[in-house]
Amino acid sequence: MAKKKSFLLRIDPEVYDQLQRWADDEFRSVNGQIEFLLRNALKKSGRGNGKKKDESDQ
């Protein structure tokens, strides 16, 4: 598994609570939910292919 980059994210507590509930509904962690949403946004905007870095090299 590729190492993940960690960084600090400052987020409004109400937004965090909403993300927590959404993540719980989909059986994900908040971190996993944020990554899922960001990947979808990148793909939708044409800035990402939806593949993990190591998968795109094949």
C-alpha atoms as a PDB file:
ATOM      1  CA  MET A   1       0.000   0.000   0.000  1.00  0.00           C
ATOM      2  CA  ALA A   2       1.333   3.424  -0.940  1.00  0.00           C
ATOM      3  CA  LYS A   3       2.152   5.791   1.894  1.00  0.00           C
ATOM      4  CA  LYS A   4      -0.396   8.563   2.351  1.00  0.00           C
ATOM      5  CA  LYS A   5       0.468  12.220   2.756  1.00  0.00           C
ATOM      6  CA  SER A   6      -0.742  13.702   6.026  1.00  0.00           C
ATOM      7  CA  PHE A   7      -1.596  17.355   6.571  1.00  0.00           C
ATOM      8  CA  LEU A   8      -3.513  19.541   8.969  1.00  0.00           C
ATOM      9  CA  LEU A   9      -7.063  20.476   7.978  1.00  0.00           C
ATOM     10  CA  ARG A  10      -8.893  23.242   9.770  1.00  0.00           C
ATOM     11  CA  ILE A  11     -12.624  22.756   9.413  1.00  0.00           C
ATOM     12  CA  ASP A  12     -15.739  24.288  10.885  1.00  0.00           C
ATOM     13  CA  PRO A  13     -17.068  22.037  13.694  1.00  0.00           C
ATOM     14  CA  GLU A  14     -20.559  21.951  12.154  1.00  0.00           C
ATOM     15  CA  VAL A  15     -19.146  20.824   8.794  1.00  0.00           C
ATOM     16  CA  TYR A  16     -17.098  18.162  10.581  1.00  0.00           C
ATOM     17  CA  ASP A  17     -20.211  16.889  12.397  1.00  0.00           C
ATOM     18  CA  GLN A  18     -22.091  16.682   9.095  1.00  0.00           C
ATOM     19  CA  LEU A  19     -19.188  14.810   7.491  1.00  0.00           C
ATOM     20  CA  GLN A  20     -19.072  12.439  10.477  1.00  0.00           C
ATOM     21  CA  ARG A  21     -22.759  11.578  10.094  1.00  0.00           C
ATOM     22  CA  TRP A  22     -22.365  11.100   6.329  1.00  0.00           C
ATOM     23  CA  ALA A  23     -19.281   8.923   6.813  1.00  0.00           C
ATOM     24  CA  ASP A  24     -21.111   6.830   9.431  1.00  0.00           C
ATOM     25  CA  ASP A  25     -24.002   6.315   6.987  1.00  0.00           C
ATOM     26  CA  GLU A  26     -21.556   4.959   4.389  1.00  0.00           C
ATOM     27  CA  PHE A  27     -19.411   2.945   6.838  1.00  0.00           C
ATOM     28  CA  ARG A  28     -16.330   5.130   6.321  1.00  0.00           C
ATOM     29  CA  SER A  29     -14.071   7.131   8.603  1.00  0.00           C
ATOM     30  CA  VAL A  30     -14.224  10.914   8.276  1.00  0.00           C
ATOM     31  CA  ASN A  31     -10.788  10.786   6.646  1.00  0.00           C
ATOM     32  CA  GLY A  32     -11.992   8.131   4.206  1.00  0.00           C
ATOM     33  CA  GLN A  33     -15.121  10.159   3.435  1.00  0.00           C
ATOM     34  CA  ILE A  34     -13.104  13.311   2.723  1.00  0.00           C
ATOM     35  CA  GLU A  35     -10.748  11.389   0.440  1.00  0.00           C
ATOM     36  CA  PHE A  36     -13.717   9.782  -1.345  1.00  0.00           C
ATOM     37  CA  LEU A  37     -15.343  13.188  -1.910  1.00  0.00           C
ATOM     38  CA  LEU A  38     -12.108  14.780  -3.104  1.00  0.00           C
ATOM     39  CA  ARG A  39     -11.420  11.945  -5.555  1.00  0.00           C
ATOM     40  CA  ASN A  40     -14.943  12.265  -6.970  1.00  0.00           C
ATOM     41  CA  ALA A  41     -14.576  16.049  -7.287  1.00  0.00           C
ATOM     42  CA  LEU A  42     -11.230  15.661  -9.076  1.00  0.00           C
ATOM     43  CA  LYS A  43     -12.672  13.088 -11.463  1.00  0.00           C
ATOM     44  CA  LYS A  44     -15.768  15.206 -12.170  1.00  0.00           C
ATOM     45  CA  SER A  45     -13.651  18.298 -12.896  1.00  0.00           C
ATOM     46  CA  GLY A  46     -11.378  16.380 -15.270  1.00  0.00           C
ATOM     47  CA  ARG A  47      -8.390  16.826 -12.982  1.00  0.00           C
ATOM     48  CA  GLY A  48      -8.175  13.234 -11.811  1.00  0.00           C
ATOM     49  CA  ASN A  49      -8.625   9.861 -13.419  1.00  0.00           C
ATOM     50  CA  GLY A  50     -10.003   8.155 -10.328  1.00  0.00           C
ATOM     51  CA  LYS A  51      -7.076   5.745 -10.191  1.00  0.00           C
ATOM     52  CA  LYS A  52      -4.511   5.442  -7.455  1.00  0.00           C
ATOM     53  CA  LYS A  53      -1.020   6.543  -8.442  1.00  0.00           C
ATOM     54  CA  ASP A  54       0.377   3.004  -8.569  1.00  0.00           C
ATOM     55  CA  GLU A  55      -2.567   1.804 -10.716  1.00  0.00           C
ATOM     56  CA  SER A  56      -2.062   4.533 -13.354  1.00  0.00           C
ATOM     57  CA  ASP A  57       1.524   3.373 -14.005  1.00  0.00           C
ATOM     58  CA  GLN A  58       0.359   0.028 -15.386  1.00  0.00           C
END
